[in-house]
């Protein structure tokens, strides 16, 4: 239904305005999913429309590190984004490549694709992909898409890949493509990379090894904490990493980063496409030119110091949430280095009000939910949430 005239911030369409109203009412209590709801992009959009970028048809087709023959791209900014983040994730200036992706899953797709190509180039053999049963489902889906044999490795109760299970599953005659979860989807578990690397090192008979890190959320805040070593390629020995832009960094629609070593990039099949910029080793042809501009903008506006403050606050509030739930006697659990507190599932009304993600695990009593602490959290919001959870639990037990 079209409204006769608009006023305030109305769109002129009743259905759209009702959707916005629901979103605005839900936003303050958005606890269950890892989105930064404190947008750093207000001034970006003012510039974006003032400059008329919204009327331009831009496209970042091609390798961002190869000069493009056309000007309708933002690849110069994409390069600067990668150059900013590469050392943060432990990639040396002379041994790195990357691009801005459509999402964390797109980054994982590149990690698996580049990893498989690298291993085949090195050994002439198709690899086996190993990933924990608690890692994000995209890794399994993408391996299926790429027709790779996948072996799900069992995790412990807290969601971390079990080293003994990885060792048991290894096929010594084929290259190993291992995906490490740097923050599992529901429990926020971090695979113990040094221990798992030691397992792989004990098997020199493996033709070759490639390690990709799925760090969609945790790759955002960990580099700006005292635990930054966990996402360092040089210290942890991984070849590639995928990080989401629409979680910790606050980009307002799906985006991300994919970074790998130059050696990995140089062992990809080269597609010579003269009308782009010849070098088309990445999966996508057309790529979003606006997300690199947004990421470049937040690098300038927020930067490492701003993210250090945000990461510190998130860690403090995560500890506070766990502490308050413990004081209330409400069953909850928290992995090391994590901003994800999982707990006994509260009432349906609380799950709905706070948009909590839910799951099941008999090792923790069955029905579960989790809270992902992000930049829009406050102690007051946490106190209100804990009070409602406690009151609901008490009522259920009466």
Protein backbone atom coordinates (compact mmCIF):
# COMPACT_ATOMS: atom_id res chain seq x y z
CA UNK A 1 0.00 0.00 0.00
CA UNK A 2 1.41 3.40 -1.03
CA UNK A 3 1.05 6.25 1.43
CA UNK A 4 -0.35 9.47 -0.01
CA UNK A 5 2.51 11.60 1.28
CA UNK A 6 5.67 11.14 3.33
CA UNK A 7 6.77 12.86 6.50
CA UNK A 8 9.74 12.50 8.82
CA UNK A 9 11.69 9.41 7.75
CA UNK A 10 8.81 7.55 6.15
CA UNK A 11 9.39 5.89 2.78
CA UNK A 12 5.95 6.41 1.33
CA UNK A 13 5.34 2.65 1.57
CA UNK A 14 3.50 1.37 4.64
CA UNK A 15 5.04 -2.11 4.44
CA UNK A 16 8.58 -0.71 4.41
CA UNK A 17 7.88 1.66 7.29
CA UNK A 18 6.39 -1.13 9.39
CA UNK A 19 9.48 -3.25 8.72
CA UNK A 20 11.74 -0.37 9.83
CA UNK A 21 9.66 0.09 12.99
CA UNK A 22 10.05 -3.58 13.93
CA UNK A 23 13.79 -3.41 13.25
CA UNK A 24 14.18 -0.29 15.41
CA UNK A 25 12.29 -1.93 18.28
CA UNK A 26 14.34 -5.12 18.03
CA UNK A 27 17.77 -3.51 17.68
CA UNK A 28 18.42 -2.53 21.35
CA UNK A 29 17.94 -6.14 22.47
CA UNK A 30 19.82 -7.88 19.66
CA UNK A 31 21.88 -10.30 21.77
CA UNK A 32 22.08 -13.56 19.87
CA UNK A 33 24.01 -12.77 16.69
CA UNK A 34 27.45 -11.20 16.16
CA UNK A 35 26.65 -7.82 14.66
CA UNK A 36 28.13 -4.47 15.67
CA UNK A 37 25.03 -2.29 15.88
CA UNK A 38 26.99 0.89 16.60
CA UNK A 39 27.47 1.87 12.98
CA UNK A 40 30.61 3.85 12.09
CA UNK A 41 29.16 4.65 8.64
CA UNK A 42 26.85 7.62 9.22
CA UNK A 43 29.25 10.16 7.71
CA UNK A 44 30.17 7.68 4.97
CA UNK A 45 26.59 7.67 3.66
CA UNK A 46 26.38 11.46 3.84
CA UNK A 47 29.48 11.63 1.59
CA UNK A 48 28.27 8.71 -0.56
CA UNK A 49 25.07 10.48 -1.61
CA UNK A 50 26.58 13.96 -1.67
CA UNK A 51 29.27 12.76 -4.09
CA UNK A 52 26.77 10.87 -6.22
CA UNK A 53 28.50 7.52 -5.80
CA UNK A 54 25.05 5.94 -5.54
CA UNK A 55 24.50 6.86 -9.20
CA UNK A 56 27.72 5.23 -10.42
CA UNK A 57 28.00 1.66 -11.70
CA UNK A 58 31.30 0.48 -10.25
CA UNK A 59 32.89 -2.97 -10.36
CA UNK A 60 36.08 -4.34 -8.81
CA UNK A 61 36.55 -7.14 -11.34
CA UNK A 62 40.07 -8.48 -11.43
CA UNK A 63 43.04 -8.82 -9.12
CA UNK A 64 43.24 -5.77 -6.82
CA UNK A 65 47.05 -5.95 -6.93
CA UNK A 66 47.29 -5.80 -10.72
CA UNK A 67 46.77 -2.46 -12.45
CA UNK A 68 43.31 -2.37 -13.98
CA UNK A 69 42.76 -0.83 -17.43
CA UNK A 70 39.57 0.91 -16.34
CA UNK A 71 38.68 3.56 -13.78
CA UNK A 72 35.23 2.36 -12.69
CA UNK A 73 36.53 0.47 -9.66
CA UNK A 74 37.65 1.14 -6.09
CA UNK A 75 40.61 -1.24 -6.26
CA UNK A 76 43.10 1.39 -5.16
CA UNK A 77 41.21 1.54 -1.85
CA UNK A 78 40.86 -2.24 -1.73
CA UNK A 79 44.64 -2.55 -1.97
CA UNK A 80 45.10 -0.11 0.90
CA UNK A 81 42.62 -2.09 3.03
CA UNK A 82 44.58 -5.31 2.44
CA UNK A 83 47.89 -3.53 3.06
CA UNK A 84 46.53 -2.24 6.38
CA UNK A 85 45.20 -5.56 7.62
CA UNK A 86 47.90 -7.94 6.29
CA UNK A 87 50.50 -7.15 9.00
CA UNK A 88 47.77 -7.24 11.66
CA UNK A 89 47.24 -10.91 10.75
CA UNK A 90 50.97 -11.63 10.61
CA UNK A 91 51.55 -11.51 6.84
CA UNK A 92 54.84 -9.90 5.79
CA UNK A 93 54.79 -7.17 3.14
CA UNK A 94 56.74 -9.38 0.74
CA UNK A 95 54.60 -12.46 1.37
CA UNK A 96 50.94 -11.54 1.23
CA UNK A 97 47.96 -11.27 -1.06
CA UNK A 98 44.30 -10.64 -0.43
CA UNK A 99 40.98 -9.14 -1.42
CA UNK A 100 37.77 -7.80 0.09
CA UNK A 101 35.16 -10.55 -0.04
CA UNK A 102 31.37 -10.67 -0.21
CA UNK A 103 31.18 -12.38 3.21
CA UNK A 104 32.99 -14.65 5.64
CA UNK A 105 31.74 -17.63 3.65
CA UNK A 106 33.22 -16.12 0.49
CA UNK A 107 36.53 -15.87 2.37
CA UNK A 108 36.25 -19.53 3.39
CA UNK A 109 35.45 -20.43 -0.21
CA UNK A 110 38.67 -18.78 -1.32
CA UNK A 111 40.60 -20.44 1.51
CA UNK A 112 39.41 -23.90 0.54
CA UNK A 113 39.75 -23.25 -3.21
CA UNK A 114 43.21 -21.70 -2.94
CA UNK A 115 44.27 -24.41 -0.50
CA UNK A 116 43.15 -27.24 -2.76
CA UNK A 117 44.82 -25.66 -5.82
CA UNK A 118 48.03 -25.05 -3.87
CA UNK A 119 48.20 -28.64 -2.65
CA UNK A 120 47.44 -30.06 -6.10
CA UNK A 121 50.12 -27.83 -7.64
CA UNK A 122 52.63 -29.04 -5.05
CA UNK A 123 51.80 -32.75 -5.12
CA UNK A 124 49.61 -33.52 -8.11
CA UNK A 125 47.08 -35.09 -5.73
CA UNK A 126 43.59 -34.13 -4.58
CA UNK A 127 43.63 -33.21 -0.86
CA UNK A 128 41.37 -34.31 1.96
CA UNK A 129 39.70 -31.51 3.91
CA UNK A 130 39.64 -31.82 7.70
CA UNK A 131 37.36 -29.58 9.78
CA UNK A 132 35.77 -29.88 13.22
CA UNK A 133 32.15 -30.85 13.63
CA UNK A 134 31.55 -27.55 15.50
CA UNK A 135 32.99 -25.26 12.81
CA UNK A 136 30.73 -23.06 10.69
CA UNK A 137 28.64 -25.11 8.29
CA UNK A 138 29.89 -23.09 5.32
CA UNK A 139 33.15 -25.01 5.38
CA UNK A 140 31.36 -28.32 4.87
CA UNK A 141 29.04 -26.83 2.24
CA UNK A 142 31.91 -25.26 0.32
CA UNK A 143 33.96 -28.47 0.37
CA UNK A 144 30.91 -30.25 -1.06
CA UNK A 145 30.60 -27.53 -3.72
CA UNK A 146 34.25 -28.02 -4.66
CA UNK A 147 33.89 -31.82 -4.68
CA UNK A 148 36.48 -32.32 -1.94
CA UNK A 149 36.44 -35.32 0.34
CA UNK A 150 35.66 -33.99 3.82
CA UNK A 151 36.36 -35.63 7.16
CA UNK A 152 34.54 -34.16 10.15
CA UNK A 153 36.81 -34.24 13.18
CA UNK A 154 35.13 -34.65 16.56
CA UNK A 155 35.31 -31.80 19.05
CA UNK A 156 35.37 -31.80 22.83
CA UNK A 157 32.34 -30.67 24.83
CA UNK A 158 33.40 -27.01 24.60
CA UNK A 159 33.66 -27.20 20.80
CA UNK A 160 37.42 -27.51 20.19
CA UNK A 161 38.80 -29.94 17.61
CA UNK A 162 40.27 -33.00 19.34
CA UNK A 163 43.94 -33.52 18.35
CA UNK A 164 43.72 -37.30 18.76
CA UNK A 165 40.70 -37.39 16.45
CA UNK A 166 42.52 -35.36 13.78
CA UNK A 167 45.47 -37.73 13.99
CA UNK A 168 43.19 -40.76 13.75
CA UNK A 169 41.50 -39.42 10.60
CA UNK A 170 44.65 -38.40 8.68
CA UNK A 171 45.23 -40.05 5.31
CA UNK A 172 49.01 -40.23 5.03
CA UNK A 173 48.93 -40.69 1.26
CA UNK A 174 47.05 -37.48 0.42
CA UNK A 175 47.66 -33.79 1.12
CA UNK A 176 45.87 -32.37 4.17
CA UNK A 177 43.74 -29.23 3.86
CA UNK A 178 42.89 -28.33 7.47
CA UNK A 179 40.36 -25.66 8.45
CA UNK A 180 40.84 -24.27 11.94
CA UNK A 181 37.87 -22.64 13.69
CA UNK A 182 38.88 -19.39 15.34
CA UNK A 183 35.57 -19.08 17.14
CA UNK A 184 33.13 -21.91 16.51
CA UNK A 185 29.63 -20.86 15.52
CA UNK A 186 27.65 -21.59 18.66
CA UNK A 187 30.05 -22.11 21.57
CA UNK A 188 32.74 -19.68 20.51
CA UNK A 189 35.50 -22.28 20.68
CA UNK A 190 39.01 -21.75 19.33
CA UNK A 191 40.84 -24.74 17.94
CA UNK A 192 44.24 -25.18 19.62
CA UNK A 193 46.34 -24.40 16.55
CA UNK A 194 49.82 -25.10 18.01
CA UNK A 195 48.72 -28.51 19.31
CA UNK A 196 47.00 -29.39 16.03
CA UNK A 197 50.05 -28.20 14.07
CA UNK A 198 52.16 -30.53 16.22
CA UNK A 199 49.91 -33.42 15.18
CA UNK A 200 50.51 -32.60 11.52
CA UNK A 201 54.25 -32.24 12.10
CA UNK A 202 54.37 -35.75 13.57
CA UNK A 203 53.37 -37.04 10.15
CA UNK A 204 56.10 -36.04 7.68
CA UNK A 205 54.75 -38.70 5.34
CA UNK A 206 51.87 -36.34 4.45
CA UNK A 207 52.57 -35.12 0.90
CA UNK A 208 51.79 -31.50 1.87
CA UNK A 209 49.73 -29.47 4.35
CA UNK A 210 47.64 -26.30 4.02
CA UNK A 211 45.94 -24.56 6.97
CA UNK A 212 43.08 -22.12 6.56
CA UNK A 213 41.64 -20.20 9.53
CA UNK A 214 37.93 -19.42 9.67
CA UNK A 215 38.01 -16.35 11.92
CA UNK A 216 34.75 -14.68 10.87
CA UNK A 217 34.01 -12.97 14.21
CA UNK A 218 37.04 -13.58 16.41
CA UNK A 219 39.39 -12.40 13.69
CA UNK A 220 37.81 -8.98 14.15
CA UNK A 221 38.56 -8.32 17.80
CA UNK A 222 41.43 -10.72 18.70
CA UNK A 223 44.15 -8.76 16.83
CA UNK A 224 43.40 -5.80 19.08
CA UNK A 225 43.79 -7.72 22.34
CA UNK A 226 46.71 -9.28 24.22
CA UNK A 227 45.82 -12.53 22.45
CA UNK A 228 46.69 -11.22 18.98
CA UNK A 229 49.18 -14.07 18.46
CA UNK A 230 46.20 -16.41 17.87
CA UNK A 231 45.50 -14.77 14.50
CA UNK A 232 49.09 -14.31 13.34
CA UNK A 233 50.09 -16.27 10.25
CA UNK A 234 53.76 -16.09 11.20
CA UNK A 235 53.20 -17.32 14.78
CA UNK A 236 50.44 -19.86 14.14
CA UNK A 237 51.73 -21.14 10.80
CA UNK A 238 48.55 -20.88 8.75
CA UNK A 239 48.51 -20.08 5.04
CA UNK A 240 45.22 -18.15 4.81
CA UNK A 241 42.53 -16.53 6.93
CA UNK A 242 38.96 -15.31 6.41
CA UNK A 243 37.44 -12.52 8.53
CA UNK A 244 33.98 -10.96 8.34
CA UNK A 245 33.58 -7.21 7.85
CA UNK A 246 29.93 -7.10 8.94
CA UNK A 247 30.56 -8.33 12.48
CA UNK A 248 33.13 -6.61 14.71
CA UNK A 249 34.13 -3.99 12.12
CA UNK A 250 30.54 -2.77 11.77
CA UNK A 251 30.04 -2.85 8.00
CA UNK A 252 26.28 -2.77 7.52
CA UNK A 253 25.95 -5.64 5.03
CA UNK A 254 27.88 -8.87 4.39
CA UNK A 255 31.55 -8.37 3.54
CA UNK A 256 34.93 -9.63 4.66
CA UNK A 257 38.63 -10.09 4.13
CA UNK A 258 40.60 -12.96 2.65
CA UNK A 259 44.37 -12.99 3.16
CA UNK A 260 46.96 -15.55 2.16
CA UNK A 261 50.69 -15.87 1.58
CA UNK A 262 52.13 -14.85 -1.76
CA UNK A 263 53.38 -18.40 -2.28
CA UNK A 264 49.80 -19.66 -2.10
CA UNK A 265 48.65 -17.02 -4.58
CA UNK A 266 51.52 -17.82 -6.96
CA UNK A 267 50.44 -21.48 -7.02
CA UNK A 268 46.95 -20.71 -8.35
CA UNK A 269 46.00 -21.29 -11.96
CA UNK A 270 46.38 -18.07 -13.93
CA UNK A 271 43.43 -17.09 -16.12
CA UNK A 272 44.59 -14.57 -18.72
CA UNK A 273 41.66 -12.16 -19.25
CA UNK A 274 43.00 -9.14 -21.18
CA UNK A 275 39.87 -6.99 -20.96
CA UNK A 276 39.98 -7.04 -17.13
CA UNK A 277 43.57 -7.02 -15.95
CA UNK A 278 44.65 -10.41 -17.24
CA UNK A 279 45.18 -11.99 -13.85
CA UNK A 280 41.96 -13.67 -12.63
CA UNK A 281 42.94 -16.20 -9.98
CA UNK A 282 40.19 -15.39 -7.50
CA UNK A 283 36.78 -17.09 -7.70
CA UNK A 284 34.57 -14.10 -8.41
CA UNK A 285 34.65 -11.97 -11.53
CA UNK A 286 32.46 -9.02 -10.56
CA UNK A 287 33.15 -7.90 -7.00
CA UNK A 288 31.46 -5.30 -4.85
CA UNK A 289 33.34 -1.95 -5.04
CA UNK A 290 31.41 -0.30 -2.18
CA UNK A 291 32.48 -2.68 0.60
CA UNK A 292 36.19 -1.82 0.10
CA UNK A 293 35.24 1.86 0.35
CA UNK A 294 33.38 1.21 3.62
CA UNK A 295 36.27 -0.79 5.07
CA UNK A 296 38.74 1.89 3.99
CA UNK A 297 36.50 4.50 5.64
CA UNK A 298 36.33 2.70 8.99
CA UNK A 299 40.10 2.13 8.94
CA UNK A 300 40.50 5.91 8.69
CA UNK A 301 37.73 6.79 11.15
CA UNK A 302 38.16 4.08 13.80
CA UNK A 303 41.52 2.44 13.17
CA UNK A 304 43.60 0.19 15.39
CA UNK A 305 43.37 2.35 18.50
CA UNK A 306 39.58 2.61 18.30
CA UNK A 307 39.30 -1.15 17.78
CA UNK A 308 41.59 -1.79 20.76
CA UNK A 309 39.20 0.17 22.97
CA UNK A 310 36.18 -1.64 21.55
CA UNK A 311 37.77 -5.08 21.91
CA UNK A 312 38.76 -4.36 25.52
CA UNK A 313 35.23 -3.28 26.36
CA UNK A 314 33.72 -6.34 24.68
CA UNK A 315 36.00 -8.65 26.68
CA UNK A 316 35.13 -6.85 29.94
CA UNK A 317 31.40 -7.03 29.26
CA UNK A 318 31.62 -10.71 28.30
CA UNK A 319 33.28 -11.47 31.63
CA UNK A 320 30.63 -9.35 33.36
CA UNK A 321 27.77 -11.27 31.71
CA UNK A 322 29.29 -14.61 32.74
CA UNK A 323 29.85 -13.32 36.28
CA UNK A 324 26.27 -12.08 36.64
CA UNK A 325 24.77 -15.32 35.31
CA UNK A 326 27.00 -17.29 37.71
CA UNK A 327 25.86 -15.12 40.61
CA UNK A 328 22.26 -15.76 39.64
CA UNK A 329 22.97 -19.49 39.61
CA UNK A 330 22.00 -19.77 35.96
CA UNK A 331 23.89 -22.49 34.00
CA UNK A 332 26.25 -20.90 31.47
CA UNK A 333 29.67 -21.52 29.88
CA UNK A 334 32.40 -19.44 28.26
CA UNK A 335 35.41 -20.50 26.18
CA UNK A 336 38.81 -18.86 26.54
CA UNK A 337 39.26 -15.66 24.49
CA UNK A 338 35.58 -15.74 23.52
CA UNK A 339 32.84 -13.10 23.48
CA UNK A 340 30.15 -15.81 23.22
CA UNK A 341 28.42 -17.00 26.40
CA UNK A 342 26.25 -20.08 25.91
CA UNK A 343 23.68 -21.10 28.48
CA UNK A 344 20.68 -23.19 29.34
CA UNK A 345 17.95 -22.07 26.95
CA UNK A 346 15.61 -19.57 28.67
CA UNK A 347 11.90 -19.21 27.96
CA UNK A 348 10.64 -18.76 24.41
CA UNK A 349 9.58 -15.19 25.19
CA UNK A 350 13.14 -14.27 26.23
CA UNK A 351 14.62 -16.07 23.23
CA UNK A 352 12.34 -14.02 20.99
CA UNK A 353 12.79 -10.69 22.78
CA UNK A 354 16.58 -10.91 22.71
CA UNK A 355 16.83 -12.72 19.35
CA UNK A 356 18.91 -15.50 20.90
CA UNK A 357 20.42 -18.22 18.75
CA UNK A 358 19.53 -21.71 20.00
CA UNK A 359 20.98 -25.19 19.82
CA UNK A 360 20.95 -28.60 21.53
CA UNK A 361 23.69 -30.50 23.36
CA UNK A 362 22.90 -33.31 25.83
CA UNK A 363 26.32 -32.83 27.46
CA UNK A 364 25.02 -29.51 28.81
CA UNK A 365 21.53 -30.65 29.67
CA UNK A 366 19.91 -30.35 26.24
CA UNK A 367 18.40 -27.05 25.00
CA UNK A 368 20.87 -24.15 24.82
CA UNK A 369 21.01 -20.52 23.71
CA UNK A 370 23.88 -18.10 23.35
CA UNK A 371 24.64 -14.40 23.69
CA UNK A 372 27.33 -12.75 21.57
CA UNK A 373 28.61 -9.61 23.31
CA UNK A 374 29.19 -6.77 20.84
CA UNK A 375 29.74 -3.00 20.82
CA UNK A 376 26.13 -2.04 21.53
CA UNK A 377 26.07 -3.92 24.87
CA UNK A 378 26.10 -2.11 28.23
CA UNK A 379 26.15 -3.30 31.83
CA UNK A 380 22.60 -1.99 32.20
CA UNK A 381 21.37 -4.11 29.28
CA UNK A 382 23.16 -7.14 30.66
CA UNK A 383 21.67 -6.58 34.13
CA UNK A 384 18.18 -6.38 32.62
CA UNK A 385 18.73 -9.54 30.60
CA UNK A 386 20.06 -11.51 33.59
CA UNK A 387 17.16 -10.32 35.74
CA UNK A 388 14.62 -11.53 33.17
CA UNK A 389 16.39 -14.87 32.71
CA UNK A 390 16.56 -15.42 36.47
CA UNK A 391 12.95 -14.41 37.05
CA UNK A 392 11.73 -16.66 34.25
CA UNK A 393 13.74 -19.60 35.60
CA UNK A 394 12.36 -19.05 39.11
CA UNK A 395 8.80 -18.92 37.80
CA UNK A 396 9.31 -22.14 35.86
CA UNK A 397 10.55 -23.90 38.99
CA UNK A 398 7.64 -22.77 41.20
